[in-house]
Amino acid sequence: MLNNLPVGTYVAGRSPLHWLRARTKLLILAWLATLFFIAAHKQFHFGAYLMAYLLLGLALASAHVPPGYIWRRMKMLAIVLAIGAPFSLAWIPGDSVWRTFGPVVVTYDGLWFTFAFAAVFVLLYLGSVALTLTTTPVALAEGIVLLLRPVRRVGLPADEFGLMTLISLRFFPILIQETEQLIKAQMSRGADLTTGSLTARIRGMSTLLVPLVQAALRRAEGLTAALEARGYSVTGEATLLHEGRLRLLDWLTLVVVVATTGLAYWKL
């Protein structure tokens, strides 16, 4: 039942995307998101979007991610975007009218805003899937800590944020497993969670909320006790296991992505 959740868990591999440092992939994702927001002000110029999605598709293909895996986890996002698109098209005003559907006026500004908005969401989602599939949680947490270390001077707890990221990534698959076990336990006792009306399904799924929260709190309490028993403390002096210096492949990837997408934005 939970196989189609939009969750990307780490899968070991030897692809170029796996070899990149976590910092490199985080910087590329941040650059593409920023570029998309900038490109949104340049109406009906699709160069940056096409180039970014081309590079992202090549990255996912190099990591041997099956298209079916991505589509199964994009269903919910596609439904949300499909529901929100008509409201966005109808409510965004503009000077140039594209079509009129009775009292609803769809403008070119509304068309472009809807496209740009959806493009950013899909990019962030696919980029997050590629990131989590090819980066271990420990490496991802270390990358976040290293990127945020310069802002510790203004009081931002970068190391604590990295620890929270690591715990969240570790806990998410555990909670999914707990939920699956609860569903199987309820169904073995005669509960029907997959058929009936929408109201009946929601009422049936709500019975899982209390035991799931109890299990999560119990695991969190156990983790807290384990950290305290081992004398764990968050400091900036911890040795990093995965994140070393950026290698030649990282620098080449950063230069190629920034150069090609930037050139596509200015020229296309």
C-alpha atoms as a PDB file:
ATOM      1  CA  MET A   1       0.000   0.000   0.000  1.00  0.00           C
ATOM      2  CA  LEU A   2       2.877   2.349   0.754  1.00  0.00           C
ATOM      3  CA  ASN A   3       5.050   1.405  -2.209  1.00  0.00           C
ATOM      4  CA  ASN A   4       3.952   4.460  -4.152  1.00  0.00           C
ATOM      5  CA  LEU A   5       4.831   7.046  -1.540  1.00  0.00           C
ATOM      6  CA  PRO A   6       7.160   9.777  -2.843  1.00  0.00           C
ATOM      7  CA  VAL A   7      10.113   8.484  -0.864  1.00  0.00           C
ATOM      8  CA  GLY A   8      13.615   8.131  -2.220  1.00  0.00           C
ATOM      9  CA  THR A   9      15.780   5.811  -0.154  1.00  0.00           C
ATOM     10  CA  TYR A  10      19.478   5.346  -0.818  1.00  0.00           C
ATOM     11  CA  VAL A  11      20.400   2.675  -3.373  1.00  0.00           C
ATOM     12  CA  ALA A  12      24.071   1.733  -3.586  1.00  0.00           C
ATOM     13  CA  GLY A  13      25.645   2.094  -6.996  1.00  0.00           C
ATOM     14  CA  ARG A  14      28.754   3.073  -8.924  1.00  0.00           C
ATOM     15  CA  SER A  15      27.307   5.653 -11.291  1.00  0.00           C
ATOM     16  CA  PRO A  16      28.853   9.124 -11.772  1.00  0.00           C
ATOM     17  CA  LEU A  17      25.965  10.558  -9.770  1.00  0.00           C
ATOM     18  CA  HIS A  18      26.903   8.303  -6.855  1.00  0.00           C
ATOM     19  CA  TRP A  19      30.531   9.446  -7.027  1.00  0.00           C
ATOM     20  CA  LEU A  20      29.686  13.122  -6.648  1.00  0.00           C
ATOM     21  CA  ARG A  21      29.999  14.692  -3.222  1.00  0.00           C
ATOM     22  CA  ALA A  22      26.770  15.511  -1.437  1.00  0.00           C
ATOM     23  CA  ARG A  23      27.768  19.201  -1.422  1.00  0.00           C
ATOM     24  CA  THR A  24      28.027  19.166  -5.204  1.00  0.00           C
ATOM     25  CA  LYS A  25      24.533  17.769  -5.645  1.00  0.00           C
ATOM     26  CA  LEU A  26      23.080  20.172  -3.091  1.00  0.00           C
ATOM     27  CA  LEU A  27      24.735  23.164  -4.785  1.00  0.00           C
ATOM     28  CA  ILE A  28      23.478  22.065  -8.212  1.00  0.00           C
ATOM     29  CA  LEU A  29      19.929  21.660  -6.917  1.00  0.00           C
ATOM     30  CA  ALA A  30      20.070  25.086  -5.256  1.00  0.00           C
ATOM     31  CA  TRP A  31      21.458  26.644  -8.457  1.00  0.00           C
ATOM     32  CA  LEU A  32      18.753  25.132 -10.659  1.00  0.00           C
ATOM     33  CA  ALA A  33      15.979  26.229  -8.297  1.00  0.00           C
ATOM     34  CA  THR A  34      17.395  29.768  -8.227  1.00  0.00           C
ATOM     35  CA  LEU A  35      17.748  29.799 -12.016  1.00  0.00           C
ATOM     36  CA  PHE A  36      14.142  28.697 -12.438  1.00  0.00           C
ATOM     37  CA  PHE A  37      12.923  31.528 -10.215  1.00  0.00           C
ATOM     38  CA  ILE A  38      14.994  33.995 -12.250  1.00  0.00           C
ATOM     39  CA  ALA A  39      13.831  32.508 -15.551  1.00  0.00           C
ATOM     40  CA  ALA A  40      10.217  32.915 -14.452  1.00  0.00           C
ATOM     41  CA  HIS A  41      10.586  36.654 -15.151  1.00  0.00           C
ATOM     42  CA  LYS A  42      11.465  35.936 -18.781  1.00  0.00           C
ATOM     43  CA  GLN A  43       8.126  34.879 -20.165  1.00  0.00           C
ATOM     44  CA  PHE A  44       7.852  32.029 -22.662  1.00  0.00           C
ATOM     45  CA  HIS A  45      11.598  31.427 -22.837  1.00  0.00           C
ATOM     46  CA  PHE A  46      12.014  27.730 -22.197  1.00  0.00           C
ATOM     47  CA  GLY A  47      15.758  27.352 -22.741  1.00  0.00           C
ATOM     48  CA  ALA A  48      16.783  27.152 -19.086  1.00  0.00           C
ATOM     49  CA  TYR A  49      13.958  24.746 -18.266  1.00  0.00           C
ATOM     50  CA  LEU A  50      14.707  22.413 -21.168  1.00  0.00           C
ATOM     51  CA  MET A  51      18.435  22.318 -20.445  1.00  0.00           C
ATOM     52  CA  ALA A  52      17.925  21.733 -16.714  1.00  0.00           C
ATOM     53  CA  TYR A  53      15.497  18.877 -17.294  1.00  0.00           C
ATOM     54  CA  LEU A  54      17.778  17.395 -19.942  1.00  0.00           C
ATOM     55  CA  LEU A  55      20.685  17.333 -17.482  1.00  0.00           C
ATOM     56  CA  LEU A  56      18.450  15.958 -14.736  1.00  0.00           C
ATOM     57  CA  GLY A  57      17.181  13.218 -17.031  1.00  0.00           C
ATOM     58  CA  LEU A  58      20.741  12.271 -17.987  1.00  0.00           C
ATOM     59  CA  ALA A  59      21.687  12.164 -14.300  1.00  0.00           C
ATOM     60  CA  LEU A  60      18.773   9.870 -13.425  1.00  0.00           C
ATOM     61  CA  ALA A  61      19.530   7.670 -16.428  1.00  0.00           C
ATOM     62  CA  SER A  62      23.196   7.398 -15.430  1.00  0.00           C
ATOM     63  CA  ALA A  63      22.089   6.313 -11.943  1.00  0.00           C
ATOM     64  CA  HIS A  64      19.931   3.572 -13.559  1.00  0.00           C
ATOM     65  CA  VAL A  65      16.706   4.843 -12.015  1.00  0.00           C
ATOM     66  CA  PRO A  66      13.769   3.107 -13.788  1.00  0.00           C
ATOM     67  CA  PRO A  67      11.164   5.485 -15.246  1.00  0.00           C
ATOM     68  CA  GLY A  68       8.429   3.431 -13.609  1.00  0.00           C
ATOM     69  CA  TYR A  69       9.968   4.051 -10.190  1.00  0.00           C
ATOM     70  CA  ILE A  70       9.840   7.812 -10.768  1.00  0.00           C
ATOM     71  CA  TRP A  71       6.320   7.779 -12.171  1.00  0.00           C
ATOM     72  CA  ARG A  72       4.911   5.751  -9.274  1.00  0.00           C
ATOM     73  CA  ARG A  73       6.241   8.356  -6.878  1.00  0.00           C
ATOM     74  CA  MET A  74       5.128  11.296  -9.016  1.00  0.00           C
ATOM     75  CA  LYS A  75       1.459  10.324  -9.138  1.00  0.00           C
ATOM     76  CA  MET A  76       0.506  12.291  -6.043  1.00  0.00           C
ATOM     77  CA  LEU A  77       2.462  15.363  -7.190  1.00  0.00           C
ATOM     78  CA  ALA A  78       0.846  15.156 -10.632  1.00  0.00           C
ATOM     79  CA  ILE A  79      -2.618  15.021  -9.039  1.00  0.00           C
ATOM     80  CA  VAL A  80      -1.871  18.051  -6.843  1.00  0.00           C
ATOM     81  CA  LEU A  81      -0.560  20.050  -9.805  1.00  0.00           C
ATOM     82  CA  ALA A  82      -3.546  19.047 -11.951  1.00  0.00           C
ATOM     83  CA  ILE A  83      -5.955  20.208  -9.235  1.00  0.00           C
ATOM     84  CA  GLY A  84      -4.151  23.505  -8.677  1.00  0.00           C
ATOM     85  CA  ALA A  85      -3.524  24.403 -12.335  1.00  0.00           C
ATOM     86  CA  PRO A  86      -7.120  25.461 -13.212  1.00  0.00           C
ATOM     87  CA  PHE A  87      -7.294  27.809 -10.209  1.00  0.00           C
ATOM     88  CA  SER A  88      -3.917  29.305 -11.078  1.00  0.00           C
ATOM     89  CA  LEU A  89      -4.961  29.839 -14.690  1.00  0.00           C
ATOM     90  CA  ALA A  90      -8.244  31.457 -13.665  1.00  0.00           C
ATOM     91  CA  TRP A  91      -6.959  33.737 -10.903  1.00  0.00           C
ATOM     92  CA  ILE A  92      -3.741  35.184 -12.342  1.00  0.00           C
ATOM     93  CA  PRO A  93      -4.568  38.515 -14.024  1.00  0.00           C
ATOM     94  CA  GLY A  94      -2.755  39.930 -17.027  1.00  0.00           C
ATOM     95  CA  ASP A  95      -2.912  42.354 -19.909  1.00  0.00           C
ATOM     96  CA  SER A  96      -3.013  39.826 -22.772  1.00  0.00           C
ATOM     97  CA  VAL A  97      -5.980  37.467 -22.883  1.00  0.00           C
ATOM     98  CA  TRP A  98      -5.367  33.940 -24.177  1.00  0.00           C
ATOM     99  CA  ARG A  99      -8.843  32.403 -24.002  1.00  0.00           C
ATOM    100  CA  THR A 100     -12.195  33.189 -22.404  1.00  0.00           C
ATOM    101  CA  PHE A 101     -14.307  30.420 -20.908  1.00  0.00           C
ATOM    102  CA  GLY A 102     -17.538  32.147 -19.948  1.00  0.00           C
ATOM    103  CA  PRO A 103     -16.755  34.352 -16.943  1.00  0.00           C
ATOM    104  CA  VAL A 104     -13.275  32.825 -16.613  1.00  0.00           C
ATOM    105  CA  VAL A 105     -10.530  34.733 -18.410  1.00  0.00           C
ATOM    106  CA  VAL A 106      -7.207  32.954 -18.939  1.00  0.00           C
ATOM    107  CA  THR A 107      -4.277  35.270 -19.631  1.00  0.00           C
ATOM    108  CA  TYR A 108      -0.799  34.665 -20.973  1.00  0.00           C
ATOM    109  CA  ASP A 109       0.556  35.725 -17.578  1.00  0.00           C
ATOM    110  CA  GLY A 110      -1.525  32.984 -15.965  1.00  0.00           C
ATOM    111  CA  LEU A 111      -0.255  30.412 -18.451  1.00  0.00           C
ATOM    112  CA  TRP A 112       3.372  31.304 -17.816  1.00  0.00           C
ATOM    113  CA  PHE A 113       2.981  31.486 -14.037  1.00  0.00           C
ATOM    114  CA  THR A 114       1.334  28.048 -13.973  1.00  0.00           C
ATOM    115  CA  PHE A 115       4.079  26.548 -16.101  1.00  0.00           C
ATOM    116  CA  ALA A 116       6.908  28.138 -14.107  1.00  0.00           C
ATOM    117  CA  PHE A 117       5.331  27.173 -10.785  1.00  0.00           C
ATOM    118  CA  ALA A 118       4.854  23.550 -11.853  1.00  0.00           C
ATOM    119  CA  ALA A 119       8.366  23.397 -13.339  1.00  0.00           C
ATOM    120  CA  VAL A 120       9.957  24.451 -10.041  1.00  0.00           C
ATOM    121  CA  PHE A 121       7.950  21.901  -8.060  1.00  0.00           C
ATOM    122  CA  VAL A 122       8.793  19.048 -10.429  1.00  0.00           C
ATOM    123  CA  LEU A 123      12.460  20.056 -10.506  1.00  0.00           C
ATOM    124  CA  LEU A 124      12.732  20.139  -6.712  1.00  0.00           C
ATOM    125  CA  TYR A 125      10.950  16.813  -6.440  1.00  0.00           C
ATOM    126  CA  LEU A 126      13.018  14.985  -9.081  1.00  0.00           C
ATOM    127  CA  GLY A 127      16.201  16.580  -7.765  1.00  0.00           C
ATOM    128  CA  SER A 128      15.357  15.423  -4.239  1.00  0.00           C
ATOM    129  CA  VAL A 129      14.668  11.898  -5.498  1.00  0.00           C
ATOM    130  CA  ALA A 130      18.008  11.817  -7.338  1.00  0.00           C
ATOM    131  CA  LEU A 131      19.768  13.219  -4.271  1.00  0.00           C
ATOM    132  CA  THR A 132      18.383  10.724  -1.775  1.00  0.00           C
ATOM    133  CA  LEU A 133      18.734   7.752  -4.131  1.00  0.00           C
ATOM    134  CA  THR A 134      22.452   8.363  -4.721  1.00  0.00           C
ATOM    135  CA  THR A 135      23.570   9.848  -1.386  1.00  0.00           C
ATOM    136  CA  THR A 136      23.748   8.109   1.967  1.00  0.00           C
ATOM    137  CA  PRO A 137      21.979   9.903   4.834  1.00  0.00           C
ATOM    138  CA  VAL A 138      25.284  10.383   6.658  1.00  0.00           C
ATOM    139  CA  ALA A 139      26.934  11.950   3.604  1.00  0.00           C
ATOM    140  CA  LEU A 140      23.926  14.208   3.033  1.00  0.00           C
ATOM    141  CA  ALA A 141      23.965  15.394   6.649  1.00  0.00           C
ATOM    142  CA  GLU A 142      27.716  16.064   6.430  1.00  0.00           C
ATOM    143  CA  GLY A 143      27.233  18.021   3.216  1.00  0.00           C
ATOM    144  CA  ILE A 144      24.553  20.206   4.805  1.00  0.00           C
ATOM    145  CA  VAL A 145      26.781  20.857   7.819  1.00  0.00           C
ATOM    146  CA  LEU A 146      29.733  21.874   5.636  1.00  0.00           C
ATOM    147  CA  LEU A 147      27.607  24.186   3.503  1.00  0.00           C
ATOM    148  CA  LEU A 148      26.105  25.861   6.581  1.00  0.00           C
ATOM    149  CA  ARG A 149      29.284  26.169   8.619  1.00  0.00           C
ATOM    150  CA  PRO A 150      30.069  29.734   7.417  1.00  0.00           C
ATOM    151  CA  VAL A 151      26.752  30.981   8.839  1.00  0.00           C
ATOM    152  CA  ARG A 152      27.535  29.682  12.328  1.00  0.00           C
ATOM    153  CA  ARG A 153      29.135  33.063  12.940  1.00  0.00           C
ATOM    154  CA  VAL A 154      25.663  34.611  13.042  1.00  0.00           C
ATOM    155  CA  GLY A 155      24.381  31.998  15.496  1.00  0.00           C
ATOM    156  CA  LEU A 156      22.773  29.499  13.129  1.00  0.00           C
ATOM    157  CA  PRO A 157      23.183  25.963  14.602  1.00  0.00           C
ATOM    158  CA  ALA A 158      24.537  24.271  11.476  1.00  0.00           C
ATOM    159  CA  ASP A 159      25.719  21.109  13.225  1.00  0.00           C
ATOM    160  CA  GLU A 160      22.403  20.644  15.022  1.00  0.00           C
ATOM    161  CA  PHE A 161      20.584  21.087  11.724  1.00  0.00           C
ATOM    162  CA  GLY A 162      22.773  18.414  10.131  1.00  0.00           C
ATOM    163  CA  LEU A 163      22.012  16.030  12.987  1.00  0.00           C
ATOM    164  CA  MET A 164      18.270  16.656  12.624  1.00  0.00           C
ATOM    165  CA  THR A 165      18.526  15.975   8.886  1.00  0.00           C
ATOM    166  CA  LEU A 166      20.328  12.702   9.495  1.00  0.00           C
ATOM    167  CA  ILE A 167      17.806  11.548  12.103  1.00  0.00           C
ATOM    168  CA  SER A 168      14.887  12.503   9.855  1.00  0.00           C
ATOM    169  CA  LEU A 169      16.306  10.561   6.918  1.00  0.00           C
ATOM    170  CA  ARG A 170      16.933   7.564   9.147  1.00  0.00           C
ATOM    171  CA  PHE A 171      13.516   7.694  10.801  1.00  0.00           C
ATOM    172  CA  PHE A 172      11.415   8.064   7.666  1.00  0.00           C
ATOM    173  CA  PRO A 173      11.924   4.481   6.356  1.00  0.00           C
ATOM    174  CA  ILE A 174      11.437   3.194   9.906  1.00  0.00           C
ATOM    175  CA  LEU A 175       8.091   4.987  10.205  1.00  0.00           C
ATOM    176  CA  ILE A 176       7.043   3.634   6.810  1.00  0.00           C
ATOM    177  CA  GLN A 177       7.867   0.127   8.016  1.00  0.00           C
ATOM    178  CA  GLU A 178       5.959   0.715  11.250  1.00  0.00           C
ATOM    179  CA  THR A 179       2.923   1.888   9.286  1.00  0.00           C
ATOM    180  CA  GLU A 180       3.015  -1.176   7.032  1.00  0.00           C
ATOM    181  CA  GLN A 181       3.150  -3.453  10.069  1.00  0.00           C
ATOM    182  CA  LEU A 182       0.207  -1.627  11.672  1.00  0.00           C
ATOM    183  CA  ILE A 183      -1.823  -1.923   8.476  1.00  0.00           C
ATOM    184  CA  LYS A 184      -1.136  -5.659   8.260  1.00  0.00           C
ATOM    185  CA  ALA A 185      -2.029  -6.089  11.939  1.00  0.00           C
ATOM    186  CA  GLN A 186      -5.307  -4.196  11.502  1.00  0.00           C
ATOM    187  CA  MET A 187      -6.246  -6.113   8.358  1.00  0.00           C
ATOM    188  CA  SER A 188      -5.469  -9.455  10.037  1.00  0.00           C
ATOM    189  CA  ARG A 189      -8.061  -8.482  12.662  1.00  0.00           C
ATOM    190  CA  GLY A 190     -10.697  -7.848  10.024  1.00  0.00           C
ATOM    191  CA  ALA A 191     -10.216  -4.128   9.394  1.00  0.00           C
ATOM    192  CA  ASP A 192     -10.974  -2.980   5.841  1.00  0.00           C
ATOM    193  CA  LEU A 193      -8.640  -0.132   4.855  1.00  0.00           C
ATOM    194  CA  THR A 194      -8.624  -0.445   1.071  1.00  0.00           C
ATOM    195  CA  THR A 195     -12.292  -0.565   0.052  1.00  0.00           C
ATOM    196  CA  GLY A 196     -15.418   1.409   0.767  1.00  0.00           C
ATOM    197  CA  SER A 197     -16.191   5.093   0.471  1.00  0.00           C
ATOM    198  CA  LEU A 198     -13.603   7.817   0.931  1.00  0.00           C
ATOM    199  CA  THR A 199     -15.045   8.671   4.349  1.00  0.00           C
ATOM    200  CA  ALA A 200     -14.804   5.036   5.434  1.00  0.00           C
ATOM    201  CA  ARG A 201     -11.197   4.795   4.266  1.00  0.00           C
ATOM    202  CA  ILE A 202     -10.240   7.983   6.106  1.00  0.00           C
ATOM    203  CA  ARG A 203     -11.961   6.728   9.248  1.00  0.00           C
ATOM    204  CA  GLY A 204     -10.151   3.407   8.944  1.00  0.00           C
ATOM    205  CA  MET A 205      -6.747   5.011   8.382  1.00  0.00           C
ATOM    206  CA  SER A 206      -7.300   7.333  11.354  1.00  0.00           C
ATOM    207  CA  THR A 207      -7.190   4.299  13.648  1.00  0.00           C
ATOM    208  CA  LEU A 208      -3.503   3.977  12.739  1.00  0.00           C
ATOM    209  CA  LEU A 209      -2.627   7.470  13.934  1.00  0.00           C
ATOM    210  CA  VAL A 210      -2.471   6.851  17.691  1.00  0.00           C
ATOM    211  CA  PRO A 211      -0.310   3.676  17.609  1.00  0.00           C
ATOM    212  CA  LEU A 212       1.938   5.243  14.943  1.00  0.00           C
ATOM    213  CA  VAL A 213       2.550   8.344  17.064  1.00  0.00           C
ATOM    214  CA  GLN A 214       3.190   6.158  20.106  1.00  0.00           C
ATOM    215  CA  ALA A 215       5.732   4.084  18.173  1.00  0.00           C
ATOM    216  CA  ALA A 216       7.481   7.206  16.882  1.00  0.00           C
ATOM    217  CA  LEU A 217       7.717   8.730  20.361  1.00  0.00           C
ATOM    218  CA  ARG A 218       8.968   5.450  21.777  1.00  0.00           C
ATOM    219  CA  ARG A 219      11.724   5.238  19.169  1.00  0.00           C
ATOM    220  CA  ALA A 220      12.638   8.896  19.691  1.00  0.00           C
ATOM    221  CA  GLU A 221      12.911   8.323  23.439  1.00  0.00           C
ATOM    222  CA  GLY A 222      15.133   5.300  22.851  1.00  0.00           C
ATOM    223  CA  LEU A 223      17.374   7.271  20.512  1.00  0.00           C
ATOM    224  CA  THR A 224      17.665  10.101  23.038  1.00  0.00           C
ATOM    225  CA  ALA A 225      18.666   7.676  25.776  1.00  0.00           C
ATOM    226  CA  ALA A 226      21.225   6.032  23.501  1.00  0.00           C
ATOM    227  CA  LEU A 227      22.809   9.383  22.554  1.00  0.00           C
ATOM    228  CA  GLU A 228      22.977  10.506  26.175  1.00  0.00           C
ATOM    229  CA  ALA A 229      24.422   7.170  27.335  1.00  0.00           C
ATOM    230  CA  ARG A 230      27.229   7.499  24.793  1.00  0.00           C
ATOM    231  CA  GLY A 231      27.958  11.077  25.759  1.00  0.00           C
ATOM    232  CA  TYR A 232      27.144  12.370  22.294  1.00  0.00           C
ATOM    233  CA  SER A 233      27.310  16.116  21.741  1.00  0.00           C
ATOM    234  CA  VAL A 234      27.109  18.224  18.621  1.00  0.00           C
ATOM    235  CA  THR A 235      30.363  20.050  17.949  1.00  0.00           C
ATOM    236  CA  GLY A 236      32.091  21.458  14.930  1.00  0.00           C
ATOM    237  CA  GLU A 237      35.160  19.313  15.560  1.00  0.00           C
ATOM    238  CA  ALA A 238      33.632  15.989  14.552  1.00  0.00           C
ATOM    239  CA  THR A 239      35.513  13.950  11.946  1.00  0.00           C
ATOM    240  CA  LEU A 240      33.683  13.660   8.629  1.00  0.00           C
ATOM    241  CA  LEU A 241      33.426  10.165   7.184  1.00  0.00           C
ATOM    242  CA  HIS A 242      32.203  10.833   3.628  1.00  0.00           C
ATOM    243  CA  GLU A 243      32.571  14.499   2.750  1.00  0.00           C
ATOM    244  CA  GLY A 244      36.149  15.316   1.845  1.00  0.00           C
ATOM    245  CA  ARG A 245      37.537  17.857  -0.572  1.00  0.00           C
ATOM    246  CA  LEU A 246      35.731  18.358  -3.844  1.00  0.00           C
ATOM    247  CA  ARG A 247      37.331  16.249  -6.560  1.00  0.00           C
ATOM    248  CA  LEU A 248      37.898  17.012 -10.234  1.00  0.00           C
ATOM    249  CA  LEU A 249      34.595  15.370 -11.184  1.00  0.00           C
ATOM    250  CA  ASP A 250      32.739  17.634  -8.748  1.00  0.00           C
ATOM    251  CA  TRP A 251      34.302  20.811 -10.116  1.00  0.00           C
ATOM    252  CA  LEU A 252      33.719  19.759 -13.726  1.00  0.00           C
ATOM    253  CA  THR A 253      30.084  18.936 -12.975  1.00  0.00           C
ATOM    254  CA  LEU A 254      29.504  22.273 -11.273  1.00  0.00           C
ATOM    255  CA  VAL A 255      31.097  24.206 -14.142  1.00  0.00           C
ATOM    256  CA  VAL A 256      29.232  22.274 -16.848  1.00  0.00           C
ATOM    257  CA  VAL A 257      25.814  22.577 -15.171  1.00  0.00           C
ATOM    258  CA  VAL A 258      26.164  26.289 -14.376  1.00  0.00           C
ATOM    259  CA  ALA A 259      27.605  27.113 -17.795  1.00  0.00           C
ATOM    260  CA  THR A 260      25.102  25.163 -19.895  1.00  0.00           C
ATOM    261  CA  THR A 261      21.993  26.209 -17.981  1.00  0.00           C
ATOM    262  CA  GLY A 262      23.170  29.833 -17.716  1.00  0.00           C
ATOM    263  CA  LEU A 263      23.920  29.941 -21.432  1.00  0.00           C
ATOM    264  CA  ALA A 264      20.544  28.403 -22.222  1.00  0.00           C
ATOM    265  CA  TYR A 265      18.858  31.105 -20.123  1.00  0.00           C
ATOM    266  CA  TRP A 266      20.632  33.971 -21.868  1.00  0.00           C
ATOM    267  CA  LYS A 267      20.591  32.660 -25.437  1.00  0.00           C
ATOM    268  CA  LEU A 268      17.419  30.597 -25.838  1.00  0.00           C
END
